[in-house]
Amino acid sequence: MNLTIDETEKKGILALDGSLTIIRATEIKNSLIDAMKKVQSLEVDISGAEDFDLSFLQLLYSAHKTSLGVKKNFSISAGYPEVFELLIKDAGLPQPEFFLKDELLRSINA
């Protein structure tokens, strides 16, 4: 997990890779919390991820809700793996576009 921060814009990109499953849930949660504390706008890049499970979606949803409460921006980078889209559909959640920057920002500003 790697956080890149643009200090001038208080914007960060957190790159998560490998297996994003319950086995790493605590590590992922702590990375999301630490990153959100450091920036005003956080984008999560999961293009290097290989596997996901429902716990990862729960962490994303929690991070999204937290960002709303502290008036910060949270989004998922475009270019996510197809397996992520399938997980969202199988879980019965909104389409993956909800997690993308433009759609998420629209939902925040609505």
N, C-alpha and C. Protein backbone atom coordinates (compact mmCIF):
# COMPACT_ATOMS: atom_id res chain seq x y z
N MET A 1 0.85 -1.17 0.00
CA MET A 1 0.00 0.00 0.00
C MET A 1 0.89 1.23 0.00
N ASN A 2 0.57 2.13 -0.89
CA ASN A 2 1.40 3.30 -1.07
C ASN A 2 0.52 4.54 -1.19
N LEU A 3 0.81 5.57 -0.39
CA LEU A 3 0.08 6.83 -0.45
C LEU A 3 0.96 7.88 -1.08
N THR A 4 0.47 8.49 -2.16
CA THR A 4 1.14 9.60 -2.81
C THR A 4 0.32 10.85 -2.53
N ILE A 5 0.97 11.89 -2.01
CA ILE A 5 0.25 13.11 -1.62
C ILE A 5 0.74 14.29 -2.44
N ASP A 6 -0.23 15.06 -2.97
CA ASP A 6 0.06 16.34 -3.61
C ASP A 6 -0.18 17.39 -2.53
N GLU A 7 0.88 17.87 -1.91
CA GLU A 7 0.76 18.79 -0.77
C GLU A 7 0.06 20.09 -1.12
N THR A 8 0.22 20.57 -2.36
CA THR A 8 -0.40 21.86 -2.71
C THR A 8 -1.92 21.77 -2.76
N GLU A 9 -2.44 20.61 -3.11
CA GLU A 9 -3.89 20.45 -3.21
C GLU A 9 -4.48 19.62 -2.08
N LYS A 10 -3.62 19.14 -1.16
CA LYS A 10 -4.08 18.26 -0.08
C LYS A 10 -4.85 17.07 -0.63
N LYS A 11 -4.32 16.53 -1.71
CA LYS A 11 -4.96 15.42 -2.41
C LYS A 11 -4.02 14.22 -2.38
N GLY A 12 -4.59 13.05 -2.14
CA GLY A 12 -3.76 11.85 -2.09
C GLY A 12 -4.34 10.71 -2.90
N ILE A 13 -3.44 9.85 -3.35
CA ILE A 13 -3.84 8.62 -4.04
C ILE A 13 -3.25 7.46 -3.24
N LEU A 14 -4.14 6.61 -2.76
CA LEU A 14 -3.73 5.43 -2.01
C LEU A 14 -3.83 4.23 -2.94
N ALA A 15 -2.68 3.65 -3.28
CA ALA A 15 -2.64 2.49 -4.17
C ALA A 15 -2.71 1.22 -3.32
N LEU A 16 -3.76 0.45 -3.54
CA LEU A 16 -3.94 -0.84 -2.86
C LEU A 16 -3.75 -1.94 -3.89
N ASP A 17 -2.95 -2.93 -3.55
CA ASP A 17 -2.71 -4.01 -4.51
C ASP A 17 -2.78 -5.36 -3.83
N GLY A 18 -2.68 -6.39 -4.66
CA GLY A 18 -2.72 -7.75 -4.13
C GLY A 18 -4.13 -8.19 -3.78
N SER A 19 -4.23 -8.94 -2.72
CA SER A 19 -5.51 -9.49 -2.28
C SER A 19 -6.15 -8.54 -1.26
N LEU A 20 -7.30 -7.99 -1.62
CA LEU A 20 -8.02 -7.05 -0.74
C LEU A 20 -9.20 -7.80 -0.13
N THR A 21 -8.88 -8.63 0.84
CA THR A 21 -9.86 -9.52 1.45
C THR A 21 -9.82 -9.41 2.97
N ILE A 22 -10.66 -10.19 3.62
CA ILE A 22 -10.79 -10.16 5.08
C ILE A 22 -9.44 -10.38 5.77
N ILE A 23 -8.57 -11.15 5.15
CA ILE A 23 -7.26 -11.42 5.74
C ILE A 23 -6.46 -10.14 5.96
N ARG A 24 -6.66 -9.16 5.09
CA ARG A 24 -5.93 -7.89 5.19
C ARG A 24 -6.83 -6.73 5.61
N ALA A 25 -8.01 -7.02 6.11
CA ALA A 25 -8.99 -5.97 6.42
C ALA A 25 -8.45 -4.94 7.41
N THR A 26 -7.79 -5.37 8.46
CA THR A 26 -7.26 -4.43 9.45
C THR A 26 -6.19 -3.54 8.83
N GLU A 27 -5.33 -4.13 8.04
CA GLU A 27 -4.27 -3.36 7.36
C GLU A 27 -4.89 -2.33 6.40
N ILE A 28 -5.88 -2.74 5.63
CA ILE A 28 -6.54 -1.84 4.68
C ILE A 28 -7.27 -0.73 5.43
N LYS A 29 -8.00 -1.09 6.47
CA LYS A 29 -8.72 -0.10 7.28
C LYS A 29 -7.75 0.94 7.84
N ASN A 30 -6.66 0.50 8.43
CA ASN A 30 -5.69 1.44 8.99
C ASN A 30 -5.08 2.33 7.92
N SER A 31 -4.83 1.79 6.73
CA SER A 31 -4.28 2.59 5.63
C SER A 31 -5.28 3.66 5.19
N LEU A 32 -6.56 3.28 5.10
CA LEU A 32 -7.59 4.25 4.72
C LEU A 32 -7.71 5.36 5.77
N ILE A 33 -7.72 4.98 7.04
CA ILE A 33 -7.83 5.97 8.12
C ILE A 33 -6.63 6.92 8.11
N ASP A 34 -5.42 6.37 8.04
CA ASP A 34 -4.21 7.20 8.03
C ASP A 34 -4.20 8.14 6.83
N ALA A 35 -4.56 7.62 5.67
CA ALA A 35 -4.55 8.44 4.47
C ALA A 35 -5.58 9.57 4.57
N MET A 36 -6.76 9.25 5.07
CA MET A 36 -7.81 10.26 5.16
C MET A 36 -7.44 11.38 6.13
N LYS A 37 -6.67 11.05 7.15
CA LYS A 37 -6.22 12.07 8.11
C LYS A 37 -5.25 13.06 7.47
N LYS A 38 -4.53 12.60 6.45
CA LYS A 38 -3.46 13.40 5.86
C LYS A 38 -3.89 14.29 4.71
N VAL A 39 -5.05 14.01 4.11
CA VAL A 39 -5.45 14.74 2.91
C VAL A 39 -6.90 15.19 3.00
N GLN A 40 -7.26 16.15 2.15
CA GLN A 40 -8.64 16.62 2.05
C GLN A 40 -9.41 15.79 1.03
N SER A 41 -8.71 15.27 0.04
CA SER A 41 -9.33 14.49 -1.02
C SER A 41 -8.52 13.21 -1.20
N LEU A 42 -9.19 12.06 -1.05
CA LEU A 42 -8.50 10.78 -1.17
C LEU A 42 -9.09 9.96 -2.30
N GLU A 43 -8.20 9.52 -3.18
CA GLU A 43 -8.57 8.64 -4.28
C GLU A 43 -7.88 7.30 -4.05
N VAL A 44 -8.64 6.22 -4.14
CA VAL A 44 -8.10 4.89 -3.93
C VAL A 44 -7.92 4.21 -5.30
N ASP A 45 -6.71 3.79 -5.55
CA ASP A 45 -6.37 3.12 -6.81
C ASP A 45 -6.27 1.62 -6.55
N ILE A 46 -7.18 0.85 -7.14
CA ILE A 46 -7.19 -0.60 -6.95
C ILE A 46 -6.83 -1.34 -8.24
N SER A 47 -6.21 -0.64 -9.17
CA SER A 47 -5.89 -1.26 -10.46
C SER A 47 -4.90 -2.41 -10.31
N GLY A 48 -4.10 -2.43 -9.25
CA GLY A 48 -3.13 -3.50 -9.04
C GLY A 48 -3.64 -4.63 -8.16
N ALA A 49 -4.92 -4.57 -7.80
CA ALA A 49 -5.50 -5.60 -6.93
C ALA A 49 -5.84 -6.84 -7.74
N GLU A 50 -5.74 -7.99 -7.08
CA GLU A 50 -6.01 -9.26 -7.74
C GLU A 50 -7.28 -9.93 -7.25
N ASP A 51 -7.65 -9.67 -6.00
CA ASP A 51 -8.79 -10.36 -5.42
C ASP A 51 -9.48 -9.44 -4.42
N PHE A 52 -10.80 -9.58 -4.35
CA PHE A 52 -11.61 -8.76 -3.44
C PHE A 52 -12.63 -9.66 -2.76
N ASP A 53 -13.12 -9.21 -1.62
CA ASP A 53 -14.28 -9.87 -1.02
C ASP A 53 -15.19 -8.79 -0.41
N LEU A 54 -16.27 -9.24 0.17
CA LEU A 54 -17.27 -8.31 0.69
C LEU A 54 -16.70 -7.40 1.77
N SER A 55 -15.73 -7.86 2.53
CA SER A 55 -15.15 -7.02 3.58
C SER A 55 -14.51 -5.76 2.97
N PHE A 56 -13.93 -5.88 1.78
CA PHE A 56 -13.34 -4.71 1.13
C PHE A 56 -14.42 -3.71 0.74
N LEU A 57 -15.53 -4.19 0.22
CA LEU A 57 -16.63 -3.28 -0.12
C LEU A 57 -17.15 -2.58 1.14
N GLN A 58 -17.20 -3.30 2.24
CA GLN A 58 -17.65 -2.69 3.50
C GLN A 58 -16.68 -1.60 3.94
N LEU A 59 -15.40 -1.83 3.77
CA LEU A 59 -14.41 -0.81 4.12
C LEU A 59 -14.55 0.42 3.23
N LEU A 60 -14.80 0.21 1.95
CA LEU A 60 -15.00 1.35 1.04
C LEU A 60 -16.24 2.14 1.43
N TYR A 61 -17.31 1.43 1.74
CA TYR A 61 -18.55 2.11 2.13
C TYR A 61 -18.32 2.90 3.43
N SER A 62 -17.63 2.32 4.37
CA SER A 62 -17.34 3.00 5.63
C SER A 62 -16.47 4.24 5.39
N ALA A 63 -15.47 4.11 4.54
CA ALA A 63 -14.60 5.26 4.22
C ALA A 63 -15.41 6.36 3.55
N HIS A 64 -16.31 5.98 2.67
CA HIS A 64 -17.18 6.95 1.99
C HIS A 64 -18.05 7.69 3.02
N LYS A 65 -18.70 6.95 3.93
CA LYS A 65 -19.55 7.56 4.95
C LYS A 65 -18.73 8.46 5.88
N THR A 66 -17.55 8.01 6.23
CA THR A 66 -16.67 8.82 7.09
C THR A 66 -16.29 10.12 6.39
N SER A 67 -15.96 10.02 5.11
CA SER A 67 -15.56 11.22 4.37
C SER A 67 -16.69 12.25 4.32
N LEU A 68 -17.92 11.77 4.19
CA LEU A 68 -19.06 12.69 4.19
C LEU A 68 -19.15 13.41 5.53
N GLY A 69 -18.94 12.66 6.62
CA GLY A 69 -19.05 13.23 7.95
C GLY A 69 -17.99 14.26 8.27
N VAL A 70 -16.81 14.12 7.68
CA VAL A 70 -15.73 15.06 7.94
C VAL A 70 -15.51 16.03 6.77
N LYS A 71 -16.46 16.03 5.85
CA LYS A 71 -16.44 16.95 4.69
C LYS A 71 -15.16 16.83 3.85
N LYS A 72 -14.83 15.58 3.55
CA LYS A 72 -13.69 15.31 2.67
C LYS A 72 -14.19 14.55 1.44
N ASN A 73 -13.38 14.55 0.40
CA ASN A 73 -13.73 13.83 -0.82
C ASN A 73 -13.09 12.45 -0.80
N PHE A 74 -13.85 11.47 -1.25
CA PHE A 74 -13.36 10.09 -1.32
C PHE A 74 -13.83 9.48 -2.62
N SER A 75 -12.93 8.81 -3.33
CA SER A 75 -13.32 8.19 -4.59
C SER A 75 -12.42 7.01 -4.91
N ILE A 76 -12.88 6.21 -5.86
CA ILE A 76 -12.11 5.09 -6.39
C ILE A 76 -11.68 5.47 -7.80
N SER A 77 -10.43 5.22 -8.12
CA SER A 77 -9.93 5.52 -9.47
C SER A 77 -10.64 4.67 -10.51
N ALA A 78 -10.80 5.24 -11.67
CA ALA A 78 -11.30 4.45 -12.80
C ALA A 78 -10.22 3.43 -13.16
N GLY A 79 -10.60 2.43 -13.90
CA GLY A 79 -9.64 1.41 -14.30
C GLY A 79 -9.51 0.28 -13.31
N TYR A 80 -10.56 0.04 -12.56
CA TYR A 80 -10.55 -1.05 -11.58
C TYR A 80 -10.68 -2.39 -12.32
N PRO A 81 -10.22 -3.47 -11.70
CA PRO A 81 -10.31 -4.79 -12.33
C PRO A 81 -11.76 -5.25 -12.49
N GLU A 82 -11.99 -6.07 -13.49
CA GLU A 82 -13.34 -6.58 -13.76
C GLU A 82 -13.90 -7.37 -12.58
N VAL A 83 -13.03 -8.04 -11.85
CA VAL A 83 -13.48 -8.83 -10.71
C VAL A 83 -14.13 -7.94 -9.64
N PHE A 84 -13.69 -6.69 -9.55
CA PHE A 84 -14.29 -5.74 -8.61
C PHE A 84 -15.73 -5.44 -9.02
N GLU A 85 -15.94 -5.21 -10.31
CA GLU A 85 -17.28 -4.95 -10.82
C GLU A 85 -18.20 -6.14 -10.57
N LEU A 86 -17.69 -7.34 -10.78
CA LEU A 86 -18.48 -8.55 -10.55
C LEU A 86 -18.85 -8.70 -9.08
N LEU A 87 -17.93 -8.37 -8.19
CA LEU A 87 -18.21 -8.45 -6.76
C LEU A 87 -19.33 -7.49 -6.38
N ILE A 88 -19.29 -6.30 -6.91
CA ILE A 88 -20.33 -5.31 -6.61
C ILE A 88 -21.69 -5.81 -7.10
N LYS A 89 -21.73 -6.34 -8.29
CA LYS A 89 -22.98 -6.86 -8.83
C LYS A 89 -23.48 -8.05 -8.01
N ASP A 90 -22.59 -8.97 -7.68
CA ASP A 90 -22.97 -10.14 -6.88
C ASP A 90 -23.47 -9.76 -5.50
N ALA A 91 -22.94 -8.67 -4.95
CA ALA A 91 -23.35 -8.22 -3.62
C ALA A 91 -24.67 -7.46 -3.66
N GLY A 92 -25.15 -7.14 -4.88
CA GLY A 92 -26.42 -6.41 -5.00
C GLY A 92 -26.28 -4.93 -4.68
N LEU A 93 -25.07 -4.41 -4.80
CA LEU A 93 -24.83 -3.00 -4.51
C LEU A 93 -25.01 -2.17 -5.78
N PRO A 94 -25.01 -0.83 -5.63
CA PRO A 94 -25.13 0.02 -6.82
C PRO A 94 -24.01 -0.28 -7.82
N GLN A 95 -24.22 0.10 -9.03
CA GLN A 95 -23.22 -0.14 -10.08
C GLN A 95 -21.87 0.44 -9.68
N PRO A 96 -20.77 -0.11 -10.20
CA PRO A 96 -19.43 0.34 -9.82
C PRO A 96 -19.20 1.83 -10.04
N GLU A 97 -19.92 2.42 -10.98
CA GLU A 97 -19.72 3.82 -11.26
C GLU A 97 -19.98 4.69 -10.03
N PHE A 98 -20.79 4.19 -9.09
CA PHE A 98 -21.04 4.94 -7.87
C PHE A 98 -19.74 5.20 -7.11
N PHE A 99 -18.82 4.25 -7.18
CA PHE A 99 -17.56 4.38 -6.46
C PHE A 99 -16.53 5.23 -7.20
N LEU A 100 -16.82 5.61 -8.42
CA LEU A 100 -15.87 6.40 -9.19
C LEU A 100 -15.99 7.88 -8.82
N LYS A 101 -14.93 8.58 -9.05
CA LYS A 101 -14.80 9.96 -8.62
C LYS A 101 -16.00 10.83 -9.00
N ASP A 102 -16.36 10.92 -10.27
CA ASP A 102 -17.42 11.85 -10.69
C ASP A 102 -18.77 11.50 -10.07
N GLU A 103 -19.12 10.22 -10.07
CA GLU A 103 -20.40 9.82 -9.51
C GLU A 103 -20.44 10.04 -8.00
N LEU A 104 -19.35 9.74 -7.33
CA LEU A 104 -19.30 9.90 -5.89
C LEU A 104 -19.38 11.38 -5.52
N LEU A 105 -18.68 12.20 -6.27
CA LEU A 105 -18.74 13.64 -6.00
C LEU A 105 -20.15 14.18 -6.24
N ARG A 106 -20.82 13.66 -7.27
CA ARG A 106 -22.20 14.09 -7.51
C ARG A 106 -23.08 13.68 -6.33
N SER A 107 -22.86 12.48 -5.81
CA SER A 107 -23.69 12.03 -4.69
C SER A 107 -23.39 12.84 -3.43
N ILE A 108 -22.17 13.27 -3.27
CA ILE A 108 -21.81 14.09 -2.11
C ILE A 108 -22.45 15.47 -2.22
N ASN A 109 -22.46 16.01 -3.43
CA ASN A 109 -22.97 17.37 -3.61
C ASN A 109 -24.48 17.41 -3.78
N ALA A 110 -25.13 16.26 -3.88
CA ALA A 110 -26.59 16.21 -4.09
C ALA A 110 -27.35 16.61 -2.84
